[in-house]
Amino acid sequence: MNQNSDIRFCIVVPCYNEEKRLPSEDFKSFLQINPEVLVCFVNDGSSDNTLGILNRIKQDFPYNADVLSLDQNKGKAEAVRLGFQYCNANFSHEFIAYLDADLATTLEECVELKSNLRGAVNFVFGSRMVKLGSEIKRSNFRFVTGRIIATFISKILKLNVYDTQCGCKLFSRDISVRIFDQPFLSKWLFDVELFKRFILVYGREIAKKKMIEIPLKKWIDKGDSKVSMTYFFRMWWDLYSIHRYYKSKGELYALEPNIIDENA
């Protein structure tokens, strides 16, 4: 890729069989007026023409669009992780995020959330909280199951988080290098693992000061979720496995005390 030294923000977009639903024109319009933002598409072993569509976007915007193509389908968690590693190894950005390919959360709002990455805060995440003035559209099933899951996860994490599973999360480059280093246990609940890793890096009390949850102005359920309905029953085992695993893995992520103090 032709390097653009003006890139300060990378957005990783995992794509699996998105040929028929990728909002290509939305991406192109955004890239046209945001030359300082790089969109890195990760083709997750798609079996349709997703890669061809992504390569055409890259061809049209060689300075702020890139494509990482995986030979085999690895799942959203690994696609996002490899996208983060690719960006961190190849670009000089300050901040990095991931966003769902259907743009349920818009690119523009993702960029707006970046303004909250300042001072001590190095982890910002969107929240699908219905409030006056917002436009949050979810199916009844996804809303009800989402609230059950979110409440349970909040208790596991011991954090008052409304929505851990929203597919819009932003990080400073430095912390992303650390918490996207190792593969995730779960293909779909890796968001929970991100919170676990973040807490292990700083300790719970400092971690609370370094993250912020922002209610989204707009989130539209586009349907065609890649997650099977049956996963609702299997995910409880995933949550248990995640909790048990990270309970014994603090040494992989914990910073030295003096580093923690400098970033508090």
Protein backbone atom coordinates (compact mmCIF):
# COMPACT_ATOMS: atom_id res chain seq x y z
CA MET A 1 0.00 0.00 0.00
CA ASN A 2 1.08 3.58 -0.65
CA GLN A 3 1.88 5.00 2.75
CA ASN A 4 0.01 8.08 3.94
CA SER A 5 1.85 9.80 6.77
CA ASP A 6 -1.29 11.79 7.62
CA ILE A 7 -3.18 8.69 8.83
CA ARG A 8 -3.98 9.13 12.52
CA PHE A 9 -6.92 6.77 12.93
CA CYS A 10 -7.44 3.22 11.65
CA ILE A 11 -10.82 1.45 11.51
CA VAL A 12 -10.70 -2.33 11.13
CA VAL A 13 -13.74 -3.84 9.40
CA PRO A 14 -14.05 -7.67 9.42
CA CYS A 15 -15.86 -9.00 6.34
CA TYR A 16 -17.22 -12.48 5.73
CA ASN A 17 -19.42 -13.10 2.68
CA GLU A 18 -20.49 -9.45 2.50
CA GLU A 19 -20.92 -9.30 -1.29
CA LYS A 20 -24.66 -8.60 -1.15
CA ARG A 21 -24.83 -6.34 1.88
CA LEU A 22 -21.61 -4.33 2.10
CA PRO A 23 -22.60 -0.64 1.85
CA SER A 24 -19.76 0.16 -0.56
CA GLU A 25 -21.00 3.62 -1.45
CA ASP A 26 -21.12 4.63 2.22
CA PHE A 27 -17.51 3.56 2.63
CA LYS A 28 -16.45 5.41 -0.52
CA SER A 29 -18.24 8.62 0.49
CA PHE A 30 -16.57 8.49 3.90
CA LEU A 31 -13.10 7.79 2.50
CA GLN A 32 -13.47 10.65 0.04
CA ILE A 33 -13.88 13.27 2.77
CA ASN A 34 -11.76 11.67 5.51
CA PRO A 35 -8.26 11.23 4.05
CA GLU A 36 -6.72 11.08 7.54
CA VAL A 37 -8.68 7.91 8.41
CA LEU A 38 -7.62 4.49 7.13
CA VAL A 39 -10.25 1.79 6.71
CA CYS A 40 -8.65 -1.66 6.84
CA PHE A 41 -10.99 -4.34 5.51
CA VAL A 42 -10.24 -7.90 6.66
CA ASN A 43 -11.59 -10.47 4.23
CA ASP A 44 -12.23 -13.43 6.52
CA GLY A 45 -11.93 -16.25 3.99
CA SER A 46 -15.12 -15.27 2.14
CA SER A 47 -16.49 -17.75 -0.42
CA ASP A 48 -18.33 -15.09 -2.48
CA ASN A 49 -17.00 -12.01 -4.29
CA THR A 50 -16.35 -9.99 -1.12
CA LEU A 51 -12.61 -9.78 -1.85
CA GLY A 52 -13.24 -8.40 -5.34
CA ILE A 53 -15.49 -5.65 -3.95
CA LEU A 54 -12.96 -4.75 -1.25
CA ASN A 55 -10.11 -4.62 -3.75
CA ARG A 56 -12.09 -2.20 -5.93
CA ILE A 57 -12.56 0.12 -2.95
CA LYS A 58 -8.83 -0.11 -2.25
CA GLN A 59 -8.09 0.67 -5.89
CA ASP A 60 -10.26 3.79 -5.72
CA PHE A 61 -8.71 4.95 -2.43
CA PRO A 62 -5.12 3.67 -2.37
CA TYR A 63 -4.01 6.09 0.36
CA ASN A 64 -6.66 5.44 3.00
CA ALA A 65 -8.14 2.01 2.27
CA ASP A 66 -6.38 -1.34 2.61
CA VAL A 67 -7.34 -5.01 2.45
CA LEU A 68 -5.98 -7.87 4.51
CA SER A 69 -7.23 -11.15 3.02
CA LEU A 70 -7.23 -14.38 5.06
CA ASP A 71 -7.10 -17.67 3.19
CA GLN A 72 -9.53 -19.39 5.55
CA ASN A 73 -12.50 -18.25 7.62
CA LYS A 74 -11.24 -17.67 11.15
CA GLY A 75 -14.24 -15.97 12.76
CA LYS A 76 -14.81 -12.35 13.74
CA ALA A 77 -12.54 -12.38 16.79
CA GLU A 78 -9.45 -13.52 14.92
CA ALA A 79 -10.23 -11.36 11.88
CA VAL A 80 -10.37 -8.27 14.09
CA ARG A 81 -7.24 -9.28 16.00
CA LEU A 82 -5.22 -9.87 12.84
CA GLY A 83 -6.51 -6.60 11.40
CA PHE A 84 -5.30 -4.73 14.49
CA GLN A 85 -1.91 -6.41 14.30
CA TYR A 86 -1.62 -5.61 10.60
CA CYS A 87 -2.44 -1.93 11.13
CA ASN A 88 -0.17 -1.59 14.15
CA ALA A 89 2.71 -3.10 12.19
CA ASN A 90 2.25 -1.03 9.04
CA PHE A 91 0.89 2.42 9.94
CA SER A 92 1.75 5.26 12.30
CA HIS A 93 -1.74 5.99 13.66
CA GLU A 94 -2.51 7.15 17.18
CA PHE A 95 -5.91 5.46 17.55
CA ILE A 96 -7.56 2.32 16.22
CA ALA A 97 -11.10 0.92 16.23
CA TYR A 98 -13.20 -1.90 14.85
CA LEU A 99 -16.63 -1.61 13.28
CA ASP A 100 -19.13 -4.06 11.80
CA ALA A 101 -19.19 -4.28 8.00
CA ASP A 102 -22.91 -3.53 7.75
CA LEU A 103 -22.29 -0.13 9.38
CA ALA A 104 -25.01 -0.57 11.97
CA THR A 105 -22.88 2.10 13.66
CA THR A 106 -21.85 4.68 11.08
CA LEU A 107 -18.28 5.51 10.23
CA GLU A 108 -18.99 9.14 11.03
CA GLU A 109 -20.14 8.37 14.57
CA CYS A 110 -17.12 6.14 15.10
CA VAL A 111 -14.90 9.11 14.24
CA GLU A 112 -16.90 11.31 16.63
CA LEU A 113 -16.29 8.85 19.47
CA LYS A 114 -12.54 9.22 18.93
CA SER A 115 -12.66 12.67 20.55
CA ASN A 116 -13.18 10.89 23.89
CA LEU A 117 -9.75 9.23 23.66
CA ARG A 118 -7.92 11.90 25.60
CA GLY A 119 -6.28 12.35 28.98
CA ALA A 120 -6.29 9.09 30.91
CA VAL A 121 -8.92 7.48 28.69
CA ASN A 122 -7.56 4.98 26.15
CA PHE A 123 -10.59 2.72 25.60
CA VAL A 124 -13.95 4.01 24.33
CA PHE A 125 -16.92 1.88 23.37
CA GLY A 126 -20.33 2.59 21.93
CA SER A 127 -23.53 1.61 23.70
CA ARG A 128 -26.92 0.81 22.13
CA MET A 129 -28.81 2.60 24.85
CA VAL A 130 -32.26 3.82 23.86
CA LYS A 131 -32.67 7.40 25.03
CA LEU A 132 -34.41 10.59 24.01
CA GLY A 133 -33.00 11.82 20.72
CA SER A 134 -31.28 8.58 19.74
CA GLU A 135 -32.22 6.23 16.90
CA ILE A 136 -31.58 2.69 18.09
CA LYS A 137 -33.38 0.01 16.09
CA ARG A 138 -33.05 -3.63 17.19
CA SER A 139 -35.32 -6.62 16.77
CA ASN A 140 -37.25 -7.55 19.91
CA PHE A 141 -35.36 -10.83 20.14
CA ARG A 142 -31.95 -9.15 19.95
CA PHE A 143 -32.99 -6.48 22.44
CA VAL A 144 -34.29 -8.95 25.07
CA THR A 145 -31.45 -11.45 24.70
CA GLY A 146 -28.97 -8.58 24.59
CA ARG A 147 -30.18 -7.17 27.91
CA ILE A 148 -30.01 -10.62 29.55
CA ILE A 149 -26.50 -11.18 28.26
CA ALA A 150 -25.30 -7.68 29.11
CA THR A 151 -26.60 -7.88 32.68
CA PHE A 152 -24.89 -11.22 33.23
CA ILE A 153 -21.62 -10.05 31.68
CA SER A 154 -21.66 -6.88 33.78
CA LYS A 155 -21.82 -9.02 36.92
CA ILE A 156 -18.98 -11.23 35.71
CA LEU A 157 -16.78 -8.22 34.95
CA LYS A 158 -17.90 -6.39 38.11
CA LEU A 159 -18.38 -3.29 35.97
CA ASN A 160 -21.49 -1.19 35.48
CA VAL A 161 -21.41 -1.55 31.69
CA TYR A 162 -24.70 -1.28 29.82
CA ASP A 163 -23.58 -2.85 26.52
CA THR A 164 -20.35 -4.85 26.20
CA GLN A 165 -21.27 -6.36 22.83
CA CYS A 166 -21.73 -3.29 20.64
CA GLY A 167 -19.48 -3.68 17.59
CA CYS A 168 -17.89 -0.24 17.88
CA LYS A 169 -14.82 -0.05 20.10
CA LEU A 170 -11.88 2.35 19.99
CA PHE A 171 -8.43 2.20 21.58
CA SER A 172 -5.20 4.10 21.75
CA ARG A 173 -2.56 2.36 19.66
CA ASP A 174 -0.40 1.43 22.69
CA ILE A 175 -3.08 -0.44 24.62
CA SER A 176 -4.34 -2.15 21.46
CA VAL A 177 -0.90 -3.67 20.88
CA ARG A 178 -1.06 -5.24 24.32
CA ILE A 179 -4.62 -6.57 24.44
CA PHE A 180 -4.81 -7.81 20.84
CA ASP A 181 -1.56 -9.74 21.15
CA GLN A 182 -2.92 -13.21 21.98
CA PRO A 183 -5.71 -15.15 20.19
CA PHE A 184 -9.14 -15.04 21.82
CA LEU A 185 -10.91 -18.03 23.33
CA SER A 186 -14.31 -17.20 21.82
CA LYS A 187 -15.16 -16.30 18.22
CA TRP A 188 -18.14 -14.15 19.24
CA LEU A 189 -17.66 -13.14 22.89
CA PHE A 190 -14.19 -11.72 22.40
CA ASP A 191 -15.58 -8.32 23.49
CA VAL A 192 -15.84 -9.76 27.00
CA GLU A 193 -12.24 -10.91 26.75
CA LEU A 194 -11.16 -7.40 25.79
CA PHE A 195 -12.66 -6.07 29.01
CA LYS A 196 -11.01 -8.87 30.98
CA ARG A 197 -7.62 -8.12 29.44
CA PHE A 198 -7.99 -4.39 29.96
CA ILE A 199 -8.78 -4.92 33.64
CA LEU A 200 -5.81 -7.26 34.01
CA VAL A 201 -3.48 -4.67 32.47
CA TYR A 202 -4.34 -1.86 34.87
CA GLY A 203 -6.21 -3.41 37.76
CA ARG A 204 -9.95 -2.86 38.18
CA GLU A 205 -9.98 0.58 39.81
CA ILE A 206 -7.53 2.22 37.40
CA ALA A 207 -9.18 0.48 34.44
CA LYS A 208 -12.49 2.16 35.34
CA LYS A 209 -10.81 5.56 34.94
CA LYS A 210 -9.31 4.66 31.58
CA MET A 211 -12.46 3.49 29.77
CA ILE A 212 -15.68 5.26 28.89
CA GLU A 213 -19.03 4.07 27.50
CA ILE A 214 -20.78 6.47 25.10
CA PRO A 215 -24.46 6.03 24.11
CA LEU A 216 -24.71 5.96 20.33
CA LYS A 217 -26.85 8.47 18.49
CA LYS A 218 -27.78 5.89 15.87
CA TRP A 219 -27.59 2.11 15.54
CA ILE A 220 -29.67 0.24 12.98
CA ASP A 221 -30.09 -3.55 13.12
CA LYS A 222 -29.44 -4.66 9.52
CA GLY A 223 -30.45 -8.28 10.15
CA ASP A 224 -28.64 -11.29 8.65
CA SER A 225 -26.54 -11.77 11.76
CA LYS A 226 -23.71 -14.28 11.33
CA VAL A 227 -24.36 -15.54 14.86
CA SER A 228 -26.63 -18.59 14.99
CA MET A 229 -29.68 -18.42 17.26
CA THR A 230 -28.49 -21.65 18.90
CA TYR A 231 -25.39 -19.85 20.12
CA PHE A 232 -27.54 -18.17 22.78
CA PHE A 233 -27.52 -21.49 24.63
CA ARG A 234 -23.85 -22.33 24.02
CA MET A 235 -22.52 -18.92 24.97
CA TRP A 236 -23.04 -19.55 28.67
CA TRP A 237 -20.27 -22.16 28.47
CA ASP A 238 -18.10 -19.64 26.63
CA LEU A 239 -18.68 -17.09 29.38
CA TYR A 240 -17.77 -19.61 32.05
CA SER A 241 -14.62 -20.63 30.14
CA ILE A 242 -13.59 -16.99 29.69
CA HIS A 243 -14.09 -16.21 33.39
CA ARG A 244 -12.12 -19.27 34.48
CA TYR A 245 -9.27 -18.72 32.01
CA TYR A 246 -8.62 -15.05 32.75
CA LYS A 247 -8.85 -15.58 36.47
CA SER A 248 -5.48 -17.34 36.25
CA LYS A 249 -3.83 -15.29 33.48
CA GLY A 250 -3.16 -11.94 35.09
CA GLU A 251 0.59 -12.26 34.59
CA LEU A 252 0.16 -12.15 30.80
CA TYR A 253 -1.21 -8.62 30.85
CA ALA A 254 -0.34 -6.87 34.11
CA LEU A 255 1.91 -3.83 33.77
CA GLU A 256 4.73 -2.93 36.10
CA PRO A 257 3.55 -0.67 38.98
CA ASN A 258 5.49 2.36 37.74
CA ILE A 259 3.89 2.07 34.27
CA ILE A 260 0.45 1.86 35.81
CA ASP A 261 1.08 5.04 37.79
CA GLU A 262 2.24 6.94 34.70
CA ASN A 263 -0.93 6.14 32.77
CA ALA A 264 -3.49 6.56 35.56
